[in-house]
């Protein structure tokens, strides 16, 4: 039976800090200080988007992960593809419910965020294998969409914080490029 740590590895929780930081900073700059409790729904919703994203990607990358990340639950056989699909679907549904609670604008920005995470891995398009498009789609999710989501929680207080988004984008892009190098052996396979 799978454990909580197996699901934590499936969800790749190590990718949360960048996106959650983007949401929090977007909320802080929009709110004009430490935001109220509405930001909790935004942080939880985005966490579920990332969990769904990584669960679905783990299914598509199962064979690649046998080389690049053999410790992940699917290559190890601890979780099945069916387990990962169910987890991804439940996470995406949960993300949409929390986004709806967070607010209308947050909800409408969440939808393209989820679509982007699916397009990153969906076999007929598979943005991940399209060199710059894969890197850019992941970078945009964490450094553009995340702060926009944070801003959307308090959008009535301010205009979009474009300078924050530009700063986070150029901060996150090198990290995304370096992450791609780690996956080269499995991607070549």
N, C-alpha and C. Protein backbone atom coordinates (compact mmCIF):
# COMPACT_ATOMS: atom_id res chain seq x y z
N UNK A 1 0.84 -1.19 0.00
CA UNK A 1 0.00 0.00 0.00
C UNK A 1 0.88 1.25 0.00
N UNK A 2 0.47 2.23 -0.78
CA UNK A 2 1.25 3.46 -0.92
C UNK A 2 1.15 4.30 0.35
N UNK A 3 2.23 5.00 0.65
CA UNK A 3 2.29 5.85 1.84
C UNK A 3 2.16 7.32 1.45
N UNK A 4 2.08 8.17 2.44
CA UNK A 4 2.03 9.61 2.21
C UNK A 4 3.30 10.07 1.50
N UNK A 5 4.44 9.51 1.87
CA UNK A 5 5.70 9.92 1.23
C UNK A 5 5.73 9.49 -0.24
N UNK A 6 5.05 8.39 -0.60
CA UNK A 6 4.97 7.98 -2.00
C UNK A 6 4.19 9.03 -2.80
N UNK A 7 3.09 9.50 -2.23
CA UNK A 7 2.31 10.54 -2.91
C UNK A 7 3.07 11.87 -2.93
N UNK A 8 3.83 12.16 -1.89
CA UNK A 8 4.65 13.39 -1.89
C UNK A 8 5.67 13.34 -3.02
N UNK A 9 6.25 12.16 -3.27
CA UNK A 9 7.20 12.02 -4.38
C UNK A 9 6.47 12.09 -5.72
N UNK A 10 5.26 11.55 -5.80
CA UNK A 10 4.47 11.65 -7.02
C UNK A 10 4.16 13.11 -7.32
N UNK A 11 3.76 13.85 -6.29
CA UNK A 11 3.39 15.25 -6.45
C UNK A 11 4.59 16.18 -6.60
N UNK A 12 5.80 15.67 -6.36
CA UNK A 12 7.04 16.46 -6.47
C UNK A 12 6.90 17.78 -5.73
N UNK A 13 6.67 17.68 -4.43
CA UNK A 13 6.42 18.86 -3.61
C UNK A 13 7.59 19.83 -3.58
N UNK A 14 8.75 19.39 -4.02
CA UNK A 14 9.90 20.28 -4.05
C UNK A 14 9.72 21.44 -5.04
N UNK A 15 8.72 21.33 -5.94
CA UNK A 15 8.47 22.40 -6.90
C UNK A 15 7.50 23.46 -6.37
N UNK A 16 6.96 23.26 -5.19
CA UNK A 16 6.00 24.21 -4.65
C UNK A 16 6.57 25.58 -4.27
N UNK A 17 7.75 25.67 -3.64
CA UNK A 17 8.18 26.98 -3.12
C UNK A 17 8.20 28.10 -4.15
N UNK A 18 8.67 27.85 -5.36
CA UNK A 18 8.74 28.92 -6.36
C UNK A 18 7.36 29.47 -6.68
N UNK A 19 6.39 28.58 -6.94
CA UNK A 19 5.05 29.02 -7.28
C UNK A 19 4.32 29.68 -6.12
N UNK A 20 4.47 29.10 -4.93
CA UNK A 20 3.80 29.69 -3.76
C UNK A 20 4.39 31.04 -3.42
N UNK A 21 5.69 31.19 -3.63
CA UNK A 21 6.33 32.49 -3.42
C UNK A 21 5.76 33.51 -4.41
N UNK A 22 5.58 33.09 -5.66
CA UNK A 22 5.00 33.98 -6.67
C UNK A 22 3.60 34.43 -6.30
N UNK A 23 2.77 33.51 -5.85
CA UNK A 23 1.42 33.87 -5.44
C UNK A 23 1.46 34.82 -4.25
N UNK A 24 2.26 34.48 -3.26
CA UNK A 24 2.33 35.30 -2.05
C UNK A 24 2.82 36.72 -2.39
N UNK A 25 3.88 36.81 -3.22
CA UNK A 25 4.39 38.14 -3.59
C UNK A 25 3.37 38.93 -4.40
N UNK A 26 2.69 38.25 -5.33
CA UNK A 26 1.63 38.93 -6.09
C UNK A 26 0.54 39.46 -5.18
N UNK A 27 0.18 38.67 -4.15
CA UNK A 27 -0.84 39.10 -3.19
C UNK A 27 -0.34 40.26 -2.34
N UNK A 28 0.90 40.18 -1.88
CA UNK A 28 1.47 41.24 -1.03
C UNK A 28 1.54 42.56 -1.79
N UNK A 29 2.04 42.52 -3.03
CA UNK A 29 2.16 43.74 -3.81
C UNK A 29 0.78 44.30 -4.16
N UNK A 30 -0.18 43.44 -4.40
CA UNK A 30 -1.53 43.89 -4.73
C UNK A 30 -2.26 44.43 -3.50
N UNK A 31 -2.14 43.72 -2.39
CA UNK A 31 -2.84 44.09 -1.16
C UNK A 31 -2.21 45.32 -0.51
N UNK A 32 -0.90 45.48 -0.74
CA UNK A 32 -0.19 46.62 -0.14
C UNK A 32 0.34 46.29 1.24
N UNK A 33 0.58 45.05 1.50
CA UNK A 33 1.08 44.59 2.80
C UNK A 33 0.76 43.12 2.95
N UNK A 34 0.85 42.62 4.16
CA UNK A 34 0.52 41.21 4.37
C UNK A 34 -0.96 40.98 4.09
N UNK A 35 -1.25 40.06 3.18
CA UNK A 35 -2.65 39.85 2.78
C UNK A 35 -3.46 39.16 3.88
N UNK A 36 -4.78 39.26 3.74
CA UNK A 36 -5.68 38.59 4.68
C UNK A 36 -5.78 37.10 4.35
N UNK A 37 -6.70 36.43 4.96
CA UNK A 37 -6.78 34.97 4.83
C UNK A 37 -7.20 34.48 3.44
N UNK A 38 -7.66 35.33 2.57
CA UNK A 38 -8.03 34.90 1.21
C UNK A 38 -6.85 34.25 0.49
N UNK A 39 -5.67 34.66 0.83
CA UNK A 39 -4.49 34.12 0.16
C UNK A 39 -4.33 32.62 0.46
N UNK A 40 -4.86 32.15 1.56
CA UNK A 40 -4.75 30.72 1.90
C UNK A 40 -5.44 29.86 0.85
N UNK A 41 -6.61 30.30 0.38
CA UNK A 41 -7.31 29.55 -0.68
C UNK A 41 -6.49 29.55 -1.97
N UNK A 42 -5.86 30.68 -2.27
CA UNK A 42 -5.02 30.76 -3.46
C UNK A 42 -3.81 29.85 -3.37
N UNK A 43 -3.15 29.85 -2.24
CA UNK A 43 -1.98 28.99 -2.05
C UNK A 43 -2.36 27.52 -2.12
N UNK A 44 -3.48 27.16 -1.51
CA UNK A 44 -3.93 25.77 -1.53
C UNK A 44 -4.34 25.35 -2.94
N UNK A 45 -5.03 26.22 -3.66
CA UNK A 45 -5.45 25.92 -5.03
C UNK A 45 -4.23 25.71 -5.93
N UNK A 46 -3.25 26.61 -5.83
CA UNK A 46 -2.07 26.47 -6.68
C UNK A 46 -1.28 25.21 -6.32
N UNK A 47 -1.23 24.88 -5.05
CA UNK A 47 -0.55 23.64 -4.63
C UNK A 47 -1.20 22.43 -5.32
N UNK A 48 -2.51 22.42 -5.36
CA UNK A 48 -3.20 21.30 -6.01
C UNK A 48 -2.97 21.29 -7.52
N UNK A 49 -2.85 22.46 -8.13
CA UNK A 49 -2.50 22.51 -9.56
C UNK A 49 -1.15 21.85 -9.77
N UNK A 50 -0.18 22.20 -8.96
CA UNK A 50 1.16 21.62 -9.09
C UNK A 50 1.13 20.12 -8.83
N UNK A 51 0.36 19.69 -7.84
CA UNK A 51 0.25 18.25 -7.56
C UNK A 51 -0.36 17.50 -8.76
N UNK A 52 -1.43 18.05 -9.33
CA UNK A 52 -2.04 17.44 -10.50
C UNK A 52 -1.09 17.41 -11.68
N UNK A 53 -0.40 18.52 -11.89
CA UNK A 53 0.60 18.67 -12.96
C UNK A 53 1.66 17.58 -12.85
N UNK A 54 2.22 17.41 -11.67
CA UNK A 54 3.31 16.45 -11.50
C UNK A 54 2.82 15.01 -11.51
N UNK A 55 1.60 14.76 -11.03
CA UNK A 55 1.05 13.41 -11.08
C UNK A 55 0.81 13.00 -12.53
N UNK A 56 0.22 13.90 -13.33
CA UNK A 56 -0.01 13.58 -14.74
C UNK A 56 1.31 13.43 -15.49
N UNK A 57 2.24 14.32 -15.24
CA UNK A 57 3.54 14.24 -15.90
C UNK A 57 4.28 12.95 -15.54
N UNK A 58 4.11 12.48 -14.32
CA UNK A 58 4.76 11.23 -13.90
C UNK A 58 4.26 10.04 -14.72
N UNK A 59 3.00 10.07 -15.11
CA UNK A 59 2.44 8.99 -15.94
C UNK A 59 3.11 9.00 -17.31
N UNK A 60 3.17 10.17 -17.91
CA UNK A 60 3.74 10.30 -19.25
C UNK A 60 5.24 10.02 -19.24
N UNK A 61 5.91 10.42 -18.17
CA UNK A 61 7.37 10.26 -18.06
C UNK A 61 7.80 8.99 -17.34
N UNK A 62 6.90 8.04 -17.19
CA UNK A 62 7.21 6.83 -16.41
C UNK A 62 8.49 6.15 -16.92
N UNK A 63 8.61 5.95 -18.22
CA UNK A 63 9.80 5.28 -18.76
C UNK A 63 11.04 6.16 -18.65
N UNK A 64 10.88 7.45 -18.88
CA UNK A 64 12.01 8.39 -18.74
C UNK A 64 12.48 8.41 -17.29
N UNK A 65 11.53 8.38 -16.37
CA UNK A 65 11.88 8.43 -14.95
C UNK A 65 12.59 7.17 -14.48
N UNK A 66 12.47 6.07 -15.21
CA UNK A 66 13.23 4.87 -14.85
C UNK A 66 14.73 5.16 -14.93
N UNK A 67 15.11 6.12 -15.78
CA UNK A 67 16.51 6.51 -15.93
C UNK A 67 16.82 7.75 -15.08
N UNK A 68 16.02 8.79 -15.24
CA UNK A 68 16.30 10.08 -14.59
C UNK A 68 15.97 10.10 -13.10
N UNK A 69 14.86 9.48 -12.74
CA UNK A 69 14.37 9.55 -11.35
C UNK A 69 13.79 8.20 -10.93
N UNK A 70 14.63 7.20 -10.82
CA UNK A 70 14.12 5.85 -10.51
C UNK A 70 13.49 5.74 -9.13
N UNK A 71 13.68 6.72 -8.27
CA UNK A 71 13.12 6.73 -6.93
C UNK A 71 11.66 7.19 -6.91
N UNK A 72 11.14 7.65 -8.04
CA UNK A 72 9.74 8.09 -8.09
C UNK A 72 8.81 6.88 -7.98
N UNK A 73 7.60 7.07 -7.48
CA UNK A 73 6.72 5.94 -7.18
C UNK A 73 6.27 5.10 -8.37
N UNK A 74 6.10 5.68 -9.56
CA UNK A 74 5.67 4.88 -10.70
C UNK A 74 6.77 3.95 -11.20
N UNK A 75 8.01 4.44 -11.42
CA UNK A 75 9.06 3.50 -11.83
C UNK A 75 9.34 2.42 -10.78
N UNK A 76 9.16 2.77 -9.51
CA UNK A 76 9.38 1.80 -8.44
C UNK A 76 8.23 0.78 -8.34
N UNK A 77 7.09 1.11 -8.93
CA UNK A 77 5.93 0.23 -8.87
C UNK A 77 5.13 0.37 -7.58
N UNK A 78 5.42 1.41 -6.80
CA UNK A 78 4.69 1.64 -5.54
C UNK A 78 3.28 2.17 -5.83
N UNK A 79 3.16 3.00 -6.87
CA UNK A 79 1.87 3.51 -7.33
C UNK A 79 1.67 3.07 -8.78
N UNK A 80 0.43 2.91 -9.18
CA UNK A 80 0.13 2.55 -10.56
C UNK A 80 -0.23 3.81 -11.35
N UNK A 81 -0.30 3.66 -12.66
CA UNK A 81 -0.74 4.78 -13.49
C UNK A 81 -2.18 5.18 -13.13
N UNK A 82 -3.01 4.20 -12.81
CA UNK A 82 -4.39 4.49 -12.41
C UNK A 82 -4.40 5.34 -11.13
N UNK A 83 -3.53 5.01 -10.17
CA UNK A 83 -3.43 5.82 -8.95
C UNK A 83 -3.04 7.26 -9.28
N UNK A 84 -2.08 7.40 -10.19
CA UNK A 84 -1.60 8.74 -10.55
C UNK A 84 -2.67 9.53 -11.31
N UNK A 85 -3.40 8.87 -12.23
CA UNK A 85 -4.49 9.55 -12.94
C UNK A 85 -5.55 10.03 -11.96
N UNK A 86 -5.94 9.16 -11.05
CA UNK A 86 -6.96 9.53 -10.06
C UNK A 86 -6.47 10.70 -9.21
N UNK A 87 -5.23 10.64 -8.78
CA UNK A 87 -4.66 11.73 -7.98
C UNK A 87 -4.66 13.03 -8.77
N UNK A 88 -4.26 12.97 -10.05
CA UNK A 88 -4.21 14.18 -10.88
C UNK A 88 -5.61 14.78 -11.04
N UNK A 89 -6.58 13.96 -11.36
CA UNK A 89 -7.95 14.44 -11.56
C UNK A 89 -8.50 15.06 -10.28
N UNK A 90 -8.31 14.37 -9.16
CA UNK A 90 -8.81 14.90 -7.88
C UNK A 90 -8.12 16.21 -7.52
N UNK A 91 -6.82 16.30 -7.79
CA UNK A 91 -6.10 17.55 -7.50
C UNK A 91 -6.62 18.69 -8.36
N UNK A 92 -6.82 18.44 -9.65
CA UNK A 92 -7.34 19.49 -10.53
C UNK A 92 -8.74 19.93 -10.12
N UNK A 93 -9.60 18.98 -9.77
CA UNK A 93 -10.95 19.33 -9.32
C UNK A 93 -10.88 20.15 -8.03
N UNK A 94 -10.05 19.70 -7.09
CA UNK A 94 -9.87 20.45 -5.84
C UNK A 94 -9.34 21.84 -6.08
N UNK A 95 -8.41 21.97 -7.03
CA UNK A 95 -7.85 23.28 -7.36
C UNK A 95 -8.92 24.21 -7.89
N UNK A 96 -9.81 23.69 -8.73
CA UNK A 96 -10.88 24.52 -9.28
C UNK A 96 -11.88 24.93 -8.19
N UNK A 97 -12.19 24.02 -7.29
CA UNK A 97 -13.13 24.35 -6.20
C UNK A 97 -12.53 25.45 -5.32
N UNK A 98 -11.27 25.29 -4.93
CA UNK A 98 -10.62 26.31 -4.10
C UNK A 98 -10.46 27.63 -4.85
N UNK A 99 -10.20 27.55 -6.16
CA UNK A 99 -10.08 28.77 -6.96
C UNK A 99 -11.41 29.51 -7.02
N UNK A 100 -12.49 28.77 -7.12
CA UNK A 100 -13.82 29.38 -7.12
C UNK A 100 -14.08 30.10 -5.80
N UNK A 101 -13.68 29.47 -4.70
CA UNK A 101 -13.84 30.09 -3.39
C UNK A 101 -12.96 31.34 -3.28
N UNK A 102 -11.75 31.27 -3.86
CA UNK A 102 -10.81 32.38 -3.78
C UNK A 102 -11.33 33.62 -4.50
N UNK A 103 -12.09 33.43 -5.57
CA UNK A 103 -12.64 34.58 -6.28
C UNK A 103 -12.75 34.35 -7.76
N UNK A 104 -13.61 35.13 -8.39
CA UNK A 104 -13.92 34.98 -9.81
C UNK A 104 -12.69 35.11 -10.70
N UNK A 105 -11.93 36.18 -10.53
CA UNK A 105 -10.75 36.38 -11.37
C UNK A 105 -9.72 35.29 -11.14
N UNK A 106 -9.52 34.91 -9.90
CA UNK A 106 -8.59 33.82 -9.58
C UNK A 106 -9.04 32.54 -10.30
N UNK A 107 -10.33 32.25 -10.26
CA UNK A 107 -10.87 31.06 -10.92
C UNK A 107 -10.58 31.07 -12.42
N UNK A 108 -10.82 32.22 -13.07
CA UNK A 108 -10.64 32.29 -14.52
C UNK A 108 -9.17 32.23 -14.93
N UNK A 109 -8.28 32.63 -14.07
CA UNK A 109 -6.84 32.49 -14.37
C UNK A 109 -6.39 31.05 -14.09
N UNK A 110 -7.05 30.38 -13.17
CA UNK A 110 -6.72 28.99 -12.85
C UNK A 110 -6.97 28.06 -14.03
N UNK A 111 -8.01 28.31 -14.77
CA UNK A 111 -8.36 27.42 -15.89
C UNK A 111 -7.22 27.33 -16.92
N UNK A 112 -6.70 28.46 -17.45
CA UNK A 112 -5.59 28.31 -18.39
C UNK A 112 -4.32 27.74 -17.73
N UNK A 113 -4.16 27.98 -16.42
CA UNK A 113 -3.01 27.39 -15.71
C UNK A 113 -3.10 25.87 -15.75
N UNK A 114 -4.27 25.34 -15.49
CA UNK A 114 -4.46 23.88 -15.53
C UNK A 114 -4.29 23.36 -16.95
N UNK A 115 -4.85 24.06 -17.93
CA UNK A 115 -4.70 23.64 -19.33
C UNK A 115 -3.22 23.60 -19.70
N UNK A 116 -2.46 24.61 -19.30
CA UNK A 116 -1.02 24.64 -19.60
C UNK A 116 -0.31 23.43 -18.99
N UNK A 117 -0.65 23.08 -17.75
CA UNK A 117 0.02 21.94 -17.12
C UNK A 117 -0.32 20.63 -17.82
N UNK A 118 -1.51 20.53 -18.36
CA UNK A 118 -1.88 19.31 -19.09
C UNK A 118 -1.19 19.29 -20.45
N UNK A 119 -1.16 20.43 -21.14
CA UNK A 119 -0.50 20.49 -22.45
C UNK A 119 1.00 20.20 -22.35
N UNK A 120 1.58 20.51 -21.21
CA UNK A 120 3.01 20.23 -21.00
C UNK A 120 3.31 18.75 -21.20
N UNK A 121 2.38 17.89 -20.83
CA UNK A 121 2.63 16.45 -20.87
C UNK A 121 1.77 15.67 -21.85
N UNK A 122 0.65 16.21 -22.28
CA UNK A 122 -0.28 15.44 -23.11
C UNK A 122 0.45 14.89 -24.35
N UNK A 123 0.31 13.59 -24.61
CA UNK A 123 1.14 12.95 -25.65
C UNK A 123 1.08 13.57 -27.04
N UNK A 124 -0.08 14.03 -27.51
CA UNK A 124 -0.14 14.55 -28.87
C UNK A 124 0.61 15.88 -29.04
N UNK A 125 0.82 16.61 -27.96
CA UNK A 125 1.52 17.90 -28.04
C UNK A 125 2.86 17.84 -27.30
N UNK A 126 2.84 17.35 -26.08
CA UNK A 126 4.01 17.12 -25.24
C UNK A 126 5.00 18.28 -25.30
N UNK A 127 4.59 19.41 -24.76
CA UNK A 127 5.43 20.61 -24.76
C UNK A 127 6.81 20.36 -24.16
N UNK A 128 6.89 19.45 -23.21
CA UNK A 128 8.17 19.17 -22.56
C UNK A 128 9.24 18.79 -23.58
N UNK A 129 8.87 18.06 -24.62
CA UNK A 129 9.84 17.61 -25.62
C UNK A 129 10.11 18.68 -26.68
N UNK A 130 9.48 19.80 -26.60
CA UNK A 130 9.63 20.83 -27.62
C UNK A 130 10.58 21.93 -27.14
N UNK A 131 11.72 21.51 -26.66
CA UNK A 131 12.83 22.33 -26.20
C UNK A 131 12.39 23.61 -25.50
N UNK A 132 12.41 24.72 -26.16
CA UNK A 132 12.18 26.00 -25.53
C UNK A 132 10.72 26.13 -25.04
N UNK A 133 9.77 25.49 -25.73
CA UNK A 133 8.36 25.59 -25.32
C UNK A 133 8.11 24.91 -23.98
N UNK A 134 8.77 23.79 -23.75
CA UNK A 134 8.63 23.11 -22.47
C UNK A 134 9.19 23.95 -21.34
N UNK A 135 10.39 24.48 -21.56
CA UNK A 135 11.03 25.31 -20.54
C UNK A 135 10.20 26.57 -20.28
N UNK A 136 9.73 27.21 -21.35
CA UNK A 136 8.94 28.43 -21.19
C UNK A 136 7.59 28.16 -20.53
N UNK A 137 6.95 27.05 -20.87
CA UNK A 137 5.64 26.79 -20.26
C UNK A 137 5.76 26.58 -18.76
N UNK A 138 6.78 25.85 -18.32
CA UNK A 138 6.97 25.66 -16.88
C UNK A 138 7.36 26.98 -16.21
N UNK A 139 8.23 27.74 -16.85
CA UNK A 139 8.65 29.02 -16.29
C UNK A 139 7.48 29.98 -16.19
N UNK A 140 6.65 30.04 -17.22
CA UNK A 140 5.49 30.93 -17.21
C UNK A 140 4.52 30.54 -16.11
N UNK A 141 4.32 29.25 -15.90
CA UNK A 141 3.42 28.81 -14.83
C UNK A 141 3.88 29.34 -13.48
N UNK A 142 5.15 29.17 -13.18
CA UNK A 142 5.66 29.52 -11.85
C UNK A 142 5.95 31.01 -11.67
N UNK A 143 6.33 31.69 -12.75
CA UNK A 143 6.81 33.07 -12.59
C UNK A 143 5.89 34.14 -13.17
N UNK A 144 4.93 33.75 -13.98
CA UNK A 144 3.97 34.71 -14.53
C UNK A 144 2.56 34.43 -13.99
N UNK A 145 2.11 33.20 -14.18
CA UNK A 145 0.74 32.88 -13.75
C UNK A 145 0.62 32.92 -12.22
N UNK A 146 1.62 32.38 -11.51
CA UNK A 146 1.53 32.38 -10.03
C UNK A 146 1.38 33.79 -9.46
N UNK A 147 2.25 34.75 -9.83
CA UNK A 147 2.03 36.10 -9.27
C UNK A 147 0.74 36.75 -9.76
N UNK A 148 0.31 36.43 -10.99
CA UNK A 148 -0.98 36.94 -11.46
C UNK A 148 -2.13 36.40 -10.59
N UNK A 149 -2.02 35.13 -10.22
CA UNK A 149 -3.04 34.56 -9.33
C UNK A 149 -3.05 35.27 -7.99
N UNK A 150 -1.86 35.52 -7.44
CA UNK A 150 -1.78 36.26 -6.18
C UNK A 150 -2.36 37.65 -6.31
N UNK A 151 -2.03 38.33 -7.39
CA UNK A 151 -2.57 39.67 -7.64
C UNK A 151 -4.08 39.63 -7.76
N UNK A 152 -4.60 38.58 -8.44
CA UNK A 152 -6.04 38.51 -8.69
C UNK A 152 -6.87 38.43 -7.41
N UNK A 153 -6.26 37.97 -6.34
CA UNK A 153 -6.98 37.89 -5.06
C UNK A 153 -7.36 39.27 -4.53
N UNK A 154 -6.56 40.28 -4.89
CA UNK A 154 -6.78 41.65 -4.38
C UNK A 154 -6.68 42.66 -5.53
N UNK A 155 -7.09 42.24 -6.72
CA UNK A 155 -6.90 43.06 -7.92
C UNK A 155 -7.58 44.42 -7.83
N UNK A 156 -8.61 44.54 -7.01
CA UNK A 156 -9.29 45.82 -6.88
C UNK A 156 -8.40 46.85 -6.19
N UNK A 157 -7.33 46.41 -5.54
CA UNK A 157 -6.43 47.32 -4.82
C UNK A 157 -5.34 47.93 -5.69
N UNK A 158 -5.00 47.28 -6.81
CA UNK A 158 -3.86 47.77 -7.58
C UNK A 158 -3.89 47.26 -9.02
N UNK A 159 -3.00 47.83 -9.81
CA UNK A 159 -2.80 47.34 -11.17
C UNK A 159 -1.87 46.14 -11.12
N UNK A 160 -1.80 45.41 -12.22
CA UNK A 160 -0.91 44.24 -12.29
C UNK A 160 0.52 44.68 -12.01
N UNK A 161 1.21 43.90 -11.20
CA UNK A 161 2.58 44.23 -10.81
C UNK A 161 3.56 43.63 -11.84
N UNK A 162 3.63 44.31 -12.97
CA UNK A 162 4.43 43.82 -14.10
C UNK A 162 5.90 43.69 -13.75
N UNK A 163 6.45 44.64 -13.00
CA UNK A 163 7.88 44.58 -12.66
C UNK A 163 8.18 43.35 -11.80
N UNK A 164 7.25 42.93 -10.95
CA UNK A 164 7.44 41.72 -10.15
C UNK A 164 7.45 40.49 -11.06
N UNK A 165 6.52 40.45 -12.00
CA UNK A 165 6.44 39.31 -12.92
C UNK A 165 7.71 39.21 -13.76
N UNK A 166 8.19 40.34 -14.28
CA UNK A 166 9.42 40.33 -15.08
C UNK A 166 10.60 39.86 -14.24
N UNK A 167 10.70 40.37 -13.02
CA UNK A 167 11.79 39.95 -12.12
C UNK A 167 11.73 38.44 -11.86
N UNK A 168 10.55 37.92 -11.51
CA UNK A 168 10.43 36.49 -11.22
C UNK A 168 10.69 35.64 -12.45
N UNK A 169 10.27 36.12 -13.63
CA UNK A 169 10.51 35.37 -14.86
C UNK A 169 12.01 35.21 -15.10
N UNK A 170 12.76 36.29 -15.00
CA UNK A 170 14.20 36.20 -15.26
C UNK A 170 14.95 35.51 -14.12
N UNK A 171 14.36 35.47 -12.96
CA UNK A 171 14.92 34.70 -11.85
C UNK A 171 14.67 33.21 -12.06
N UNK A 172 13.49 32.85 -12.53
CA UNK A 172 13.12 31.45 -12.69
C UNK A 172 13.60 30.79 -13.96
N UNK A 173 13.84 31.55 -15.02
CA UNK A 173 14.24 30.97 -16.30
C UNK A 173 15.54 30.17 -16.21
N UNK A 174 16.60 30.69 -15.60
CA UNK A 174 17.83 29.88 -15.51
C UNK A 174 17.63 28.58 -14.73
N UNK A 175 16.80 28.62 -13.70
CA UNK A 175 16.52 27.41 -12.92
C UNK A 175 15.83 26.37 -13.81
N UNK A 176 14.88 26.81 -14.63
CA UNK A 176 14.17 25.90 -15.51
C UNK A 176 15.11 25.30 -16.55
N UNK A 177 16.01 26.11 -17.07
CA UNK A 177 16.97 25.61 -18.06
C UNK A 177 17.90 24.58 -17.42
N UNK A 178 18.39 24.86 -16.23
CA UNK A 178 19.26 23.90 -15.53
C UNK A 178 18.53 22.61 -15.23
N UNK A 179 17.26 22.69 -14.86
CA UNK A 179 16.48 21.49 -14.58
C UNK A 179 16.39 20.62 -15.82
N UNK A 180 16.30 21.23 -17.00
CA UNK A 180 16.22 20.47 -18.24
C UNK A 180 17.48 19.64 -18.47
N UNK A 181 18.63 20.14 -18.05
CA UNK A 181 19.87 19.39 -18.24
C UNK A 181 19.88 18.10 -17.43
N UNK A 182 19.24 18.09 -16.28
CA UNK A 182 19.18 16.90 -15.44
C UNK A 182 18.43 15.78 -16.15
N UNK A 183 17.44 16.15 -16.96
CA UNK A 183 16.59 15.16 -17.62
C UNK A 183 17.13 14.67 -18.97
N UNK A 184 18.28 15.15 -19.41
CA UNK A 184 18.78 14.80 -20.74
C UNK A 184 18.96 13.29 -20.93
N UNK A 185 19.58 12.55 -20.01
CA UNK A 185 19.77 11.10 -20.27
C UNK A 185 18.47 10.36 -20.55
N UNK A 186 17.46 10.58 -19.75
CA UNK A 186 16.18 9.90 -19.95
C UNK A 186 15.45 10.39 -21.18
N UNK A 187 15.55 11.70 -21.46
CA UNK A 187 14.89 12.25 -22.65
C UNK A 187 15.51 11.69 -23.93
N UNK A 188 16.82 11.49 -23.91
CA UNK A 188 17.47 10.91 -25.10
C UNK A 188 17.02 9.48 -25.30
N UNK A 189 16.81 8.74 -24.19
CA UNK A 189 16.34 7.37 -24.28
C UNK A 189 14.98 7.32 -24.96
